[in-house]
Amino acid sequence: MARQRRLPAGIGKDAKTYSSYLAPCYNLSMTTVVAFISQKGGVGKSTLARALAREAVISGLKVKIADLDPDQATIVDWHKVRTQRAIEPVLSVELFRNVAQALAGNRRA
């Protein structure tokens, strides 16, 4: 169970202020899956996934990016460049052939 905090003076219960204050005390024992999905190419799926993952890691969350396009492997290529150049933060990236394998954590690409 997530711990309860008393709101300090000046922090109202409006959605934006309240949720940003409570974000550091969420119960992080559950896995959350975020997916960027579109059949159309070039709409920013990989860019959004990389940006969100990077910010989540900086915020202290444990993150794994699952690249489900073994033909293009955009995120895997991005990860290789980051690794070669020792760019922080360090992210976990794996290539999978389908969603079922990604969710199961079985590397098969």
PDB file of N, CA and C in Angstrom:
ATOM      1  N   MET A   1       0.841  -1.181   0.000  1.00  0.00           N
ATOM      2  CA  MET A   1       0.000   0.000   0.000  1.00  0.00           C
ATOM      3  C   MET A   1       0.885   1.242   0.000  1.00  0.00           C
ATOM      4  N   ALA A   2       0.575   2.183  -0.863  1.00  0.00           N
ATOM      5  CA  ALA A   2       1.350   3.424  -0.952  1.00  0.00           C
ATOM      6  C   ALA A   2       1.168   4.230   0.325  1.00  0.00           C
ATOM      7  N   ARG A   3       2.242   4.842   0.770  1.00  0.00           N
ATOM      8  CA  ARG A   3       2.139   5.636   1.986  1.00  0.00           C
ATOM      9  C   ARG A   3       1.357   6.914   1.720  1.00  0.00           C
ATOM     10  N   GLN A   4       0.673   7.378   2.724  1.00  0.00           N
ATOM     11  CA  GLN A   4      -0.121   8.600   2.622  1.00  0.00           C
ATOM     12  C   GLN A   4       0.728   9.779   3.091  1.00  0.00           C
ATOM     13  N   ARG A   5       0.610  10.900   2.417  1.00  0.00           N
ATOM     14  CA  ARG A   5       1.309  12.117   2.820  1.00  0.00           C
ATOM     15  C   ARG A   5       0.300  13.214   3.074  1.00  0.00           C
ATOM     16  N   ARG A   6       0.624  14.049   4.019  1.00  0.00           N
ATOM     17  CA  ARG A   6      -0.170  15.253   4.220  1.00  0.00           C
ATOM     18  C   ARG A   6       0.322  16.291   3.237  1.00  0.00           C
ATOM     19  N   LEU A   7      -0.595  16.989   2.644  1.00  0.00           N
ATOM     20  CA  LEU A   7      -0.216  18.038   1.694  1.00  0.00           C
ATOM     21  C   LEU A   7       0.302  19.254   2.448  1.00  0.00           C
ATOM     22  N   PRO A   8       1.481  19.752   2.066  1.00  0.00           N
ATOM     23  CA  PRO A   8       1.989  20.956   2.716  1.00  0.00           C
ATOM     24  C   PRO A   8       1.175  22.178   2.309  1.00  0.00           C
ATOM     25  N   ALA A   9       1.322  23.228   3.048  1.00  0.00           N
ATOM     26  CA  ALA A   9       0.622  24.474   2.735  1.00  0.00           C
ATOM     27  C   ALA A   9       0.980  24.920   1.325  1.00  0.00           C
ATOM     28  N   GLY A  10       0.003  25.370   0.576  1.00  0.00           N
ATOM     29  CA  GLY A  10       0.239  25.857  -0.774  1.00  0.00           C
ATOM     30  C   GLY A  10       0.031  24.799  -1.846  1.00  0.00           C
ATOM     31  N   ILE A  11      -0.104  23.543  -1.449  1.00  0.00           N
ATOM     32  CA  ILE A  11      -0.363  22.483  -2.428  1.00  0.00           C
ATOM     33  C   ILE A  11      -1.865  22.201  -2.389  1.00  0.00           C
ATOM     34  N   GLY A  12      -2.553  22.584  -3.446  1.00  0.00           N
ATOM     35  CA  GLY A  12      -3.987  22.363  -3.512  1.00  0.00           C
ATOM     36  C   GLY A  12      -4.300  20.975  -4.015  1.00  0.00           C
ATOM     37  N   LYS A  13      -5.562  20.620  -4.058  1.00  0.00           N
ATOM     38  CA  LYS A  13      -5.956  19.306  -4.539  1.00  0.00           C
ATOM     39  C   LYS A  13      -6.376  19.322  -5.998  1.00  0.00           C
ATOM     40  N   ASP A  14      -5.993  20.382  -6.751  1.00  0.00           N
ATOM     41  CA  ASP A  14      -6.286  20.354  -8.174  1.00  0.00           C
ATOM     42  C   ASP A  14      -5.442  19.245  -8.797  1.00  0.00           C
ATOM     43  N   ALA A  15      -5.895  18.671  -9.891  1.00  0.00           N
ATOM     44  CA  ALA A  15      -5.293  17.465 -10.473  1.00  0.00           C
ATOM     45  C   ALA A  15      -3.810  17.613 -10.769  1.00  0.00           C
ATOM     46  N   LYS A  16      -3.401  18.702 -11.378  1.00  0.00           N
ATOM     47  CA  LYS A  16      -2.003  18.847 -11.789  1.00  0.00           C
ATOM     48  C   LYS A  16      -1.076  18.946 -10.577  1.00  0.00           C
ATOM     49  N   THR A  17      -1.376  19.831  -9.648  1.00  0.00           N
ATOM     50  CA  THR A  17      -0.518  20.028  -8.486  1.00  0.00           C
ATOM     51  C   THR A  17      -0.505  18.788  -7.607  1.00  0.00           C
ATOM     52  N   TYR A  18      -1.662  18.226  -7.366  1.00  0.00           N
ATOM     53  CA  TYR A  18      -1.797  17.081  -6.468  1.00  0.00           C
ATOM     54  C   TYR A  18      -1.077  15.859  -7.023  1.00  0.00           C
ATOM     55  N   SER A  19      -1.255  15.553  -8.305  1.00  0.00           N
ATOM     56  CA  SER A  19      -0.623  14.357  -8.869  1.00  0.00           C
ATOM     57  C   SER A  19       0.886  14.517  -8.958  1.00  0.00           C
ATOM     58  N   SER A  20       1.390  15.715  -9.260  1.00  0.00           N
ATOM     59  CA  SER A  20       2.833  15.888  -9.331  1.00  0.00           C
ATOM     60  C   SER A  20       3.459  15.801  -7.945  1.00  0.00           C
ATOM     61  N   TYR A  21       2.739  16.182  -6.918  1.00  0.00           N
ATOM     62  CA  TYR A  21       3.256  16.055  -5.560  1.00  0.00           C
ATOM     63  C   TYR A  21       3.273  14.594  -5.128  1.00  0.00           C
ATOM     64  N   LEU A  22       2.271  13.833  -5.493  1.00  0.00           N
ATOM     65  CA  LEU A  22       2.179  12.436  -5.058  1.00  0.00           C
ATOM     66  C   LEU A  22       3.031  11.493  -5.896  1.00  0.00           C
ATOM     67  N   ALA A  23       3.472  11.914  -7.075  1.00  0.00           N
ATOM     68  CA  ALA A  23       4.226  11.021  -7.964  1.00  0.00           C
ATOM     69  C   ALA A  23       5.383  10.306  -7.285  1.00  0.00           C
ATOM     70  N   PRO A  24       6.196  10.948  -6.451  1.00  0.00           N
ATOM     71  CA  PRO A  24       7.329  10.242  -5.853  1.00  0.00           C
ATOM     72  C   PRO A  24       6.931   9.152  -4.859  1.00  0.00           C
ATOM     73  N   CYS A  25       5.693   9.117  -4.384  1.00  0.00           N
ATOM     74  CA  CYS A  25       5.334   8.120  -3.378  1.00  0.00           C
ATOM     75  C   CYS A  25       4.406   7.034  -3.914  1.00  0.00           C
ATOM     76  N   TYR A  26       4.280   6.905  -5.221  1.00  0.00           N
ATOM     77  CA  TYR A  26       3.477   5.822  -5.770  1.00  0.00           C
ATOM     78  C   TYR A  26       4.056   4.479  -5.369  1.00  0.00           C
ATOM     79  N   ASN A  27       3.189   3.482  -5.238  1.00  0.00           N
ATOM     80  CA  ASN A  27       3.641   2.117  -5.006  1.00  0.00           C
ATOM     81  C   ASN A  27       4.135   1.588  -6.345  1.00  0.00           C
ATOM     82  N   LEU A  28       5.428   1.390  -6.488  1.00  0.00           N
ATOM     83  CA  LEU A  28       6.010   1.021  -7.770  1.00  0.00           C
ATOM     84  C   LEU A  28       6.253  -0.484  -7.898  1.00  0.00           C
ATOM     85  N   SER A  29       5.568  -1.294  -7.106  1.00  0.00           N
ATOM     86  CA  SER A  29       5.797  -2.732  -7.166  1.00  0.00           C
ATOM     87  C   SER A  29       5.092  -3.369  -8.365  1.00  0.00           C
ATOM     88  N   MET A  30       4.179  -2.680  -9.003  1.00  0.00           N
ATOM     89  CA  MET A  30       3.476  -3.230 -10.158  1.00  0.00           C
ATOM     90  C   MET A  30       4.129  -2.747 -11.451  1.00  0.00           C
ATOM     91  N   THR A  31       4.035  -3.569 -12.479  1.00  0.00           N
ATOM     92  CA  THR A  31       4.567  -3.217 -13.784  1.00  0.00           C
ATOM     93  C   THR A  31       3.537  -2.417 -14.560  1.00  0.00           C
ATOM     94  N   THR A  32       3.981  -1.395 -15.234  1.00  0.00           N
ATOM     95  CA  THR A  32       3.133  -0.606 -16.109  1.00  0.00           C
ATOM     96  C   THR A  32       3.681  -0.717 -17.520  1.00  0.00           C
ATOM     97  N   VAL A  33       2.804  -0.993 -18.472  1.00  0.00           N
ATOM     98  CA  VAL A  33       3.202  -1.096 -19.869  1.00  0.00           C
ATOM     99  C   VAL A  33       2.650   0.106 -20.612  1.00  0.00           C
ATOM    100  N   VAL A  34       3.518   0.815 -21.307  1.00  0.00           N
ATOM    101  CA  VAL A  34       3.119   1.943 -22.136  1.00  0.00           C
ATOM    102  C   VAL A  34       3.461   1.577 -23.562  1.00  0.00           C
ATOM    103  N   ALA A  35       2.502   1.705 -24.477  1.00  0.00           N
ATOM    104  CA  ALA A  35       2.744   1.338 -25.877  1.00  0.00           C
ATOM    105  C   ALA A  35       2.403   2.503 -26.788  1.00  0.00           C
ATOM    106  N   PHE A  36       3.256   2.708 -27.786  1.00  0.00           N
ATOM    107  CA  PHE A  36       2.998   3.684 -28.837  1.00  0.00           C
ATOM    108  C   PHE A  36       2.740   2.868 -30.093  1.00  0.00           C
ATOM    109  N   ILE A  37       1.490   2.900 -30.569  1.00  0.00           N
ATOM    110  CA  ILE A  37       1.072   2.000 -31.645  1.00  0.00           C
ATOM    111  C   ILE A  37       0.440   2.783 -32.788  1.00  0.00           C
ATOM    112  N   SER A  38       0.874   2.473 -33.992  1.00  0.00           N
ATOM    113  CA  SER A  38       0.280   3.018 -35.200  1.00  0.00           C
ATOM    114  C   SER A  38       0.765   2.180 -36.374  1.00  0.00           C
ATOM    115  N   GLN A  39      -0.107   1.920 -37.331  1.00  0.00           N
ATOM    116  CA  GLN A  39       0.309   1.179 -38.518  1.00  0.00           C
ATOM    117  C   GLN A  39       1.131   2.067 -39.453  1.00  0.00           C
ATOM    118  N   LYS A  40       0.931   3.362 -39.345  1.00  0.00           N
ATOM    119  CA  LYS A  40       1.637   4.292 -40.219  1.00  0.00           C
ATOM    120  C   LYS A  40       3.052   4.529 -39.702  1.00  0.00           C
ATOM    121  N   GLY A  41       3.991   4.565 -40.588  1.00  0.00           N
ATOM    122  CA  GLY A  41       5.369   4.871 -40.223  1.00  0.00           C
ATOM    123  C   GLY A  41       5.609   6.365 -40.162  1.00  0.00           C
ATOM    124  N   GLY A  42       6.641   6.755 -39.445  1.00  0.00           N
ATOM    125  CA  GLY A  42       7.035   8.157 -39.410  1.00  0.00           C
ATOM    126  C   GLY A  42       6.170   9.059 -38.562  1.00  0.00           C
ATOM    127  N   VAL A  43       5.411   8.498 -37.623  1.00  0.00           N
ATOM    128  CA  VAL A  43       4.539   9.323 -36.792  1.00  0.00           C
ATOM    129  C   VAL A  43       5.141   9.630 -35.415  1.00  0.00           C
ATOM    130  N   GLY A  44       6.336   9.112 -35.162  1.00  0.00           N
ATOM    131  CA  GLY A  44       7.028   9.442 -33.909  1.00  0.00           C
ATOM    132  C   GLY A  44       6.943   8.409 -32.816  1.00  0.00           C
ATOM    133  N   LYS A  45       6.565   7.179 -33.127  1.00  0.00           N
ATOM    134  CA  LYS A  45       6.440   6.140 -32.092  1.00  0.00           C
ATOM    135  C   LYS A  45       7.765   5.901 -31.376  1.00  0.00           C
ATOM    136  N   SER A  46       8.818   5.690 -32.135  1.00  0.00           N
ATOM    137  CA  SER A  46      10.127   5.425 -31.527  1.00  0.00           C
ATOM    138  C   SER A  46      10.643   6.648 -30.782  1.00  0.00           C
ATOM    139  N   THR A  47      10.447   7.807 -31.339  1.00  0.00           N
ATOM    140  CA  THR A  47      10.897   9.042 -30.695  1.00  0.00           C
ATOM    141  C   THR A  47      10.209   9.228 -29.352  1.00  0.00           C
ATOM    142  N   LEU A  48       8.899   9.025 -29.317  1.00  0.00           N
ATOM    143  CA  LEU A  48       8.153   9.157 -28.059  1.00  0.00           C
ATOM    144  C   LEU A  48       8.581   8.103 -27.049  1.00  0.00           C
ATOM    145  N   ALA A  49       8.762   6.857 -27.495  1.00  0.00           N
ATOM    146  CA  ALA A  49       9.170   5.780 -26.594  1.00  0.00           C
ATOM    147  C   ALA A  49      10.532   6.080 -25.972  1.00  0.00           C
ATOM    148  N   ARG A  50      11.462   6.537 -26.786  1.00  0.00           N
ATOM    149  CA  ARG A  50      12.808   6.850 -26.279  1.00  0.00           C
ATOM    150  C   ARG A  50      12.763   8.012 -25.293  1.00  0.00           C
ATOM    151  N   ALA A  51      12.029   9.044 -25.625  1.00  0.00           N
ATOM    152  CA  ALA A  51      11.952  10.225 -24.752  1.00  0.00           C
ATOM    153  C   ALA A  51      11.306   9.879 -23.415  1.00  0.00           C
ATOM    154  N   LEU A  52      10.201   9.144 -23.451  1.00  0.00           N
ATOM    155  CA  LEU A  52       9.519   8.767 -22.219  1.00  0.00           C
ATOM    156  C   LEU A  52      10.402   7.858 -21.366  1.00  0.00           C
ATOM    157  N   ALA A  53      11.055   6.889 -21.993  1.00  0.00           N
ATOM    158  CA  ALA A  53      11.920   5.965 -21.256  1.00  0.00           C
ATOM    159  C   ALA A  53      13.067   6.712 -20.588  1.00  0.00           C
ATOM    160  N   ARG A  54      13.682   7.609 -21.320  1.00  0.00           N
ATOM    161  CA  ARG A  54      14.801   8.381 -20.774  1.00  0.00           C
ATOM    162  C   ARG A  54      14.362   9.199 -19.562  1.00  0.00           C
ATOM    163  N   GLU A  55      13.245   9.884 -19.679  1.00  0.00           N
ATOM    164  CA  GLU A  55      12.749  10.701 -18.561  1.00  0.00           C
ATOM    165  C   GLU A  55      12.336   9.835 -17.371  1.00  0.00           C
ATOM    166  N   ALA A  56      11.763   8.670 -17.637  1.00  0.00           N
ATOM    167  CA  ALA A  56      11.366   7.773 -16.552  1.00  0.00           C
ATOM    168  C   ALA A  56      12.586   7.275 -15.783  1.00  0.00           C
ATOM    169  N   VAL A  57      13.647   6.929 -16.506  1.00  0.00           N
ATOM    170  CA  VAL A  57      14.883   6.480 -15.848  1.00  0.00           C
ATOM    171  C   VAL A  57      15.482   7.607 -15.012  1.00  0.00           C
ATOM    172  N   ILE A  58      15.497   8.804 -15.546  1.00  0.00           N
ATOM    173  CA  ILE A  58      16.010   9.956 -14.802  1.00  0.00           C
ATOM    174  C   ILE A  58      15.201  10.173 -13.529  1.00  0.00           C
ATOM    175  N   SER A  59      13.902   9.858 -13.578  1.00  0.00           N
ATOM    176  CA  SER A  59      13.022  10.019 -12.414  1.00  0.00           C
ATOM    177  C   SER A  59      13.164   8.880 -11.409  1.00  0.00           C
ATOM    178  N   GLY A  60      13.997   7.893 -11.734  1.00  0.00           N
ATOM    179  CA  GLY A  60      14.232   6.805 -10.788  1.00  0.00           C
ATOM    180  C   GLY A  60      13.459   5.529 -11.051  1.00  0.00           C
ATOM    181  N   LEU A  61      12.724   5.463 -12.155  1.00  0.00           N
ATOM    182  CA  LEU A  61      11.971   4.251 -12.460  1.00  0.00           C
ATOM    183  C   LEU A  61      12.836   3.250 -13.212  1.00  0.00           C
ATOM    184  N   LYS A  62      12.531   1.984 -13.045  1.00  0.00           N
ATOM    185  CA  LYS A  62      13.209   0.930 -13.801  1.00  0.00           C
ATOM    186  C   LYS A  62      12.451   0.766 -15.115  1.00  0.00           C
ATOM    187  N   VAL A  63      13.182   0.823 -16.232  1.00  0.00           N
ATOM    188  CA  VAL A  63      12.555   0.860 -17.555  1.00  0.00           C
ATOM    189  C   VAL A  63      13.198  -0.153 -18.488  1.00  0.00           C
ATOM    190  N   LYS A  64      12.364  -0.785 -19.310  1.00  0.00           N
ATOM    191  CA  LYS A  64      12.863  -1.603 -20.407  1.00  0.00           C
ATOM    192  C   LYS A  64      12.080  -1.220 -21.650  1.00  0.00           C
ATOM    193  N   ILE A  65      12.796  -0.921 -22.742  1.00  0.00           N
ATOM    194  CA  ILE A  65      12.135  -0.618 -24.005  1.00  0.00           C
ATOM    195  C   ILE A  65      12.138  -1.889 -24.843  1.00  0.00           C
ATOM    196  N   ALA A  66      10.974  -2.266 -25.326  1.00  0.00           N
ATOM    197  CA  ALA A  66      10.835  -3.429 -26.204  1.00  0.00           C
ATOM    198  C   ALA A  66      10.644  -2.930 -27.630  1.00  0.00           C
ATOM    199  N   ASP A  67      11.618  -3.177 -28.477  1.00  0.00           N
ATOM    200  CA  ASP A  67      11.526  -2.806 -29.897  1.00  0.00           C
ATOM    201  C   ASP A  67      10.899  -3.993 -30.626  1.00  0.00           C
ATOM    202  N   LEU A  68       9.725  -3.775 -31.206  1.00  0.00           N
ATOM    203  CA  LEU A  68       8.980  -4.859 -31.854  1.00  0.00           C
ATOM    204  C   LEU A  68       9.098  -4.835 -33.370  1.00  0.00           C
ATOM    205  N   ASP A  69      10.086  -4.154 -33.889  1.00  0.00           N
ATOM    206  CA  ASP A  69      10.295  -4.100 -35.330  1.00  0.00           C
ATOM    207  C   ASP A  69      11.696  -4.605 -35.662  1.00  0.00           C
ATOM    208  N   PRO A  70      11.873  -5.942 -35.770  1.00  0.00           N
ATOM    209  CA  PRO A  70      13.208  -6.488 -36.009  1.00  0.00           C
ATOM    210  C   PRO A  70      13.788  -6.096 -37.373  1.00  0.00           C
ATOM    211  N   ASP A  71      12.948  -5.728 -38.336  1.00  0.00           N
ATOM    212  CA  ASP A  71      13.456  -5.324 -39.647  1.00  0.00           C
ATOM    213  C   ASP A  71      14.127  -3.956 -39.593  1.00  0.00           C
ATOM    214  N   GLN A  72      13.537  -3.021 -38.867  1.00  0.00           N
ATOM    215  CA  GLN A  72      14.076  -1.665 -38.800  1.00  0.00           C
ATOM    216  C   GLN A  72      14.945  -1.467 -37.555  1.00  0.00           C
ATOM    217  N   ALA A  73      14.513  -1.983 -36.410  1.00  0.00           N
ATOM    218  CA  ALA A  73      15.266  -1.921 -35.147  1.00  0.00           C
ATOM    219  C   ALA A  73      15.755  -0.517 -34.806  1.00  0.00           C
ATOM    220  N   THR A  74      14.899   0.465 -34.960  1.00  0.00           N
ATOM    221  CA  THR A  74      15.258   1.865 -34.717  1.00  0.00           C
ATOM    222  C   THR A  74      15.766   2.093 -33.300  1.00  0.00           C
ATOM    223  N   ILE A  75      15.047   1.571 -32.328  1.00  0.00           N
ATOM    224  CA  ILE A  75      15.417   1.812 -30.933  1.00  0.00           C
ATOM    225  C   ILE A  75      16.691   1.044 -30.570  1.00  0.00           C
ATOM    226  N   VAL A  76      16.857  -0.139 -31.128  1.00  0.00           N
ATOM    227  CA  VAL A  76      18.080  -0.912 -30.870  1.00  0.00           C
ATOM    228  C   VAL A  76      19.294  -0.159 -31.422  1.00  0.00           C
ATOM    229  N   ASP A  77      19.178   0.398 -32.615  1.00  0.00           N
ATOM    230  CA  ASP A  77      20.278   1.181 -33.192  1.00  0.00           C
ATOM    231  C   ASP A  77      20.591   2.408 -32.335  1.00  0.00           C
ATOM    232  N   TRP A  78      19.550   3.090 -31.874  1.00  0.00           N
ATOM    233  CA  TRP A  78      19.704   4.253 -30.995  1.00  0.00           C
ATOM    234  C   TRP A  78      20.436   3.846 -29.721  1.00  0.00           C
ATOM    235  N   HIS A  79      20.053   2.700 -29.156  1.00  0.00           N
ATOM    236  CA  HIS A  79      20.668   2.206 -27.929  1.00  0.00           C
ATOM    237  C   HIS A  79      22.148   1.879 -28.148  1.00  0.00           C
ATOM    238  N   LYS A  80      22.479   1.294 -29.295  1.00  0.00           N
ATOM    239  CA  LYS A  80      23.884   0.980 -29.601  1.00  0.00           C
ATOM    240  C   LYS A  80      24.739   2.243 -29.638  1.00  0.00           C
ATOM    241  N   VAL A  81      24.225   3.291 -30.258  1.00  0.00           N
ATOM    242  CA  VAL A  81      24.959   4.564 -30.327  1.00  0.00           C
ATOM    243  C   VAL A  81      25.154   5.131 -28.926  1.00  0.00           C
ATOM    244  N   ARG A  82      24.109   5.112 -28.106  1.00  0.00           N
ATOM    245  CA  ARG A  82      24.200   5.613 -26.731  1.00  0.00           C
ATOM    246  C   ARG A  82      25.224   4.818 -25.932  1.00  0.00           C
ATOM    247  N   THR A  83      25.228   3.503 -26.112  1.00  0.00           N
ATOM    248  CA  THR A  83      26.161   2.651 -25.387  1.00  0.00           C
ATOM    249  C   THR A  83      27.602   2.934 -25.819  1.00  0.00           C
ATOM    250  N   GLN A  84      27.826   3.030 -27.127  1.00  0.00           N
ATOM    251  CA  GLN A  84      29.173   3.303 -27.647  1.00  0.00           C
ATOM    252  C   GLN A  84      29.719   4.639 -27.148  1.00  0.00           C
ATOM    253  N   ARG A  85      28.841   5.606 -26.995  1.00  0.00           N
ATOM    254  CA  ARG A  85      29.259   6.949 -26.576  1.00  0.00           C
ATOM    255  C   ARG A  85      29.132   7.172 -25.071  1.00  0.00           C
ATOM    256  N   ALA A  86      28.743   6.128 -24.337  1.00  0.00           N
ATOM    257  CA  ALA A  86      28.576   6.191 -22.875  1.00  0.00           C
ATOM    258  C   ALA A  86      27.636   7.317 -22.455  1.00  0.00           C
ATOM    259  N   ILE A  87      26.520   7.445 -23.140  1.00  0.00           N
ATOM    260  CA  ILE A  87      25.538   8.487 -22.849  1.00  0.00           C
ATOM    261  C   ILE A  87      24.647   8.024 -21.698  1.00  0.00           C
ATOM    262  N   GLU A  88      24.500   8.876 -20.719  1.00  0.00           N
ATOM    263  CA  GLU A  88      23.648   8.603 -19.561  1.00  0.00           C
ATOM    264  C   GLU A  88      22.256   9.176 -19.805  1.00  0.00           C
ATOM    265  N   PRO A  89      21.218   8.647 -19.207  1.00  0.00           N
ATOM    266  CA  PRO A  89      21.199   7.469 -18.350  1.00  0.00           C
ATOM    267  C   PRO A  89      21.256   6.186 -19.178  1.00  0.00           C
ATOM    268  N   VAL A  90      21.670   5.113 -18.527  1.00  0.00           N
ATOM    269  CA  VAL A  90      21.724   3.810 -19.176  1.00  0.00           C
ATOM    270  C   VAL A  90      20.313   3.238 -19.219  1.00  0.00           C
ATOM    271  N   LEU A  91      19.902   2.779 -20.399  1.00  0.00           N
ATOM    272  CA  LEU A  91      18.567   2.217 -20.589  1.00  0.00           C
ATOM    273  C   LEU A  91      18.670   0.752 -20.999  1.00  0.00           C
ATOM    274  N   SER A  92      17.635  -0.012 -20.680  1.00  0.00           N
ATOM    275  CA  SER A  92      17.560  -1.400 -21.104  1.00  0.00           C
ATOM    276  C   SER A  92      16.681  -1.486 -22.352  1.00  0.00           C
ATOM    277  N   VAL A  93      17.230  -2.060 -23.428  1.00  0.00           N
ATOM    278  CA  VAL A  93      16.499  -2.185 -24.699  1.00  0.00           C
ATOM    279  C   VAL A  93      16.633  -3.617 -25.193  1.00  0.00           C
ATOM    280  N   GLU A  94      15.517  -4.199 -25.622  1.00  0.00           N
ATOM    281  CA  GLU A  94      15.545  -5.537 -26.217  1.00  0.00           C
ATOM    282  C   GLU A  94      14.683  -5.566 -27.467  1.00  0.00           C
ATOM    283  N   LEU A  95      15.074  -6.423 -28.397  1.00  0.00           N
ATOM    284  CA  LEU A  95      14.362  -6.596 -29.659  1.00  0.00           C
ATOM    285  C   LEU A  95      13.502  -7.861 -29.573  1.00  0.00           C
ATOM    286  N   PHE A  96      12.223  -7.744 -29.907  1.00  0.00           N
ATOM    287  CA  PHE A  96      11.290  -8.875 -29.881  1.00  0.00           C
ATOM    288  C   PHE A  96      10.557  -8.957 -31.212  1.00  0.00           C
ATOM    289  N   ARG A  97      10.095 -10.139 -31.557  1.00  0.00           N
ATOM    290  CA  ARG A  97       9.331 -10.326 -32.798  1.00  0.00           C
ATOM    291  C   ARG A  97       7.853 -10.010 -32.648  1.00  0.00           C
ATOM    292  N   ASN A  98       7.318 -10.138 -31.417  1.00  0.00           N
ATOM    293  CA  ASN A  98       5.892  -9.858 -31.216  1.00  0.00           C
ATOM    294  C   ASN A  98       5.624  -9.433 -29.778  1.00  0.00           C
ATOM    295  N   VAL A  99       4.418  -8.955 -29.539  1.00  0.00           N
ATOM    296  CA  VAL A  99       4.025  -8.445 -28.230  1.00  0.00           C
ATOM    297  C   VAL A  99       4.049  -9.539 -27.179  1.00  0.00           C
ATOM    298  N   ALA A 100       3.576 -10.722 -27.515  1.00  0.00           N
ATOM    299  CA  ALA A 100       3.533 -11.822 -26.541  1.00  0.00           C
ATOM    300  C   ALA A 100       4.932 -12.127 -26.005  1.00  0.00           C
ATOM    301  N   GLN A 101       5.912 -12.175 -26.886  1.00  0.00           N
ATOM    302  CA  GLN A 101       7.288 -12.440 -26.445  1.00  0.00           C
ATOM    303  C   GLN A 101       7.822 -11.294 -25.587  1.00  0.00           C
ATOM    304  N   ALA A 102       7.504 -10.079 -25.955  1.00  0.00           N
ATOM    305  CA  ALA A 102       7.956  -8.930 -25.190  1.00  0.00           C
ATOM    306  C   ALA A 102       7.380  -8.945 -23.777  1.00  0.00           C
ATOM    307  N   LEU A 103       6.087  -9.216 -23.667  1.00  0.00           N
ATOM    308  CA  LEU A 103       5.452  -9.238 -22.357  1.00  0.00           C
ATOM    309  C   LEU A 103       5.932 -10.412 -21.508  1.00  0.00           C
ATOM    310  N   ALA A 104       6.276 -11.532 -22.168  1.00  0.00           N
ATOM    311  CA  ALA A 104       6.802 -12.689 -21.456  1.00  0.00           C
ATOM    312  C   ALA A 104       8.269 -12.496 -21.093  1.00  0.00           C
ATOM    313  N   GLY A 105       8.931 -11.571 -21.777  1.00  0.00           N
ATOM    314  CA  GLY A 105      10.340 -11.309 -21.518  1.00  0.00           C
ATOM    315  C   GLY A 105      11.269 -12.261 -22.225  1.00  0.00           C
ATOM    316  N   ASN A 106      10.761 -13.020 -23.188  1.00  0.00           N
ATOM    317  CA  ASN A 106      11.590 -13.977 -23.935  1.00  0.00           C
ATOM    318  C   ASN A 106      12.202 -13.307 -25.138  1.00  0.00           C
ATOM    319  N   ARG A 107      13.515 -13.292 -25.196  1.00  0.00           N
ATOM    320  CA  ARG A 107      14.195 -12.647 -26.326  1.00  0.00           C
ATOM    321  C   ARG A 107      14.277 -13.641 -27.481  1.00  0.00           C
ATOM    322  N   ARG A 108      13.656 -13.299 -28.597  1.00  0.00           N
ATOM    323  CA  ARG A 108      13.615 -14.211 -29.734  1.00  0.00           C
ATOM    324  C   ARG A 108      13.897 -13.531 -31.060  1.00  0.00           C
ATOM    325  N   ALA A 109      14.344 -12.330 -31.082  1.00  0.00           N
ATOM    326  CA  ALA A 109      14.539 -11.617 -32.356  1.00  0.00           C
ATOM    327  C   ALA A 109      15.844 -12.016 -33.013  1.00  0.00           C
TER     328      ALA A 109
END
